[in-house]
């Protein structure tokens, strides 16, 4: 369908969702501008849902139209069910850890607010829309391996967002990866607790606990990384040959052992740095398992940080489809905020 008709259809669908929630349609306006999706709170115009500047003449297929509706309904969920003031205060209080805490909160909050929408019945096909949207994001560059590197801290939030939805009953096209993560236990606890949370404030508490667990594991890893250097120094002191005849054999044995350990460590770091999961040579599987960084049976994709919010990927999706018209509507430059309906908390 033409972009013009797609935009009209999305606006009409979104208005129906608002009315079904018992909220006046004037509370939320739709504005087509910029490259992303989000909600902003204007002092004079009220709450505004922003969507990309889709060209009126763009050819929007059914899948793209469905995703646009999914983006809009997802953002409605934040407007309706997220307490932004608590969120902002927690991030500010976290100081240098604020960015990571923000992402962890987001990764846990997204499945919660989508489940609230589904349960409310305000959008009859919400689950189908959300499943389709998530699948399109996951499968866009999927190569059959891990959808993200399970040991990359910057991707823990994305794993929460995906696996939290899986716990909510979504059909996810990619297998979970957190079972192979060195942060597995912390992630499992956060997912379990997050599923039972009834508010953003409760989600924040879970995210704080997860952040503390992540930092504890990182400190433990730093300590373990210092130990091999000391052990190697001890080995060098013990490897003095008794006579010239044994020197060659002792040296080869020692070098062989060091190569194995070094490659094993390199393999384990591969999962973390995105460089691969196996060393170049004789690293042992035991070394990888002990470190917890390796053991990725699929070989890993080594992908870097991915967007948590579905709406954060919308610009790239429609830019690739040549549907964005940056000149049809002036671009909106504003900080994306989670907006909360006054008197609308649940």
Foldseek 3Di string as FASTA:
>chain_A
DFPQVLVVVLQVLLLLLCVLLVHHSQQEAEDAFAQFWFWDQDPPRHIYTYHHQFDRGFDADPLNSLQVSLQSVLRVLLQQAADQVLLVVLLVVVPPCSVLLNLQLLLLVSLVSLLVSPVSCSRVCNLVSNLSLQQCVQPVPDDQFASALLAASLCLSQLSNVVLNVVVVRDHPHDRDNVLYPLNVLSVVLSVQSNPDDHSNSSSVSSVSSVVSVVVLVVVLVVVVVPVVVVVVVVVVVQDDPDPVCNVVSVVVVVVVVVQLVQQVVLLCCSHQLNWNGGPDNHDVVNNVVSSSHPRPRGGRSDDRDDNRSRVCRSVVVVVSVRGDNPVDPHDDDDRGRHYDVVSYD
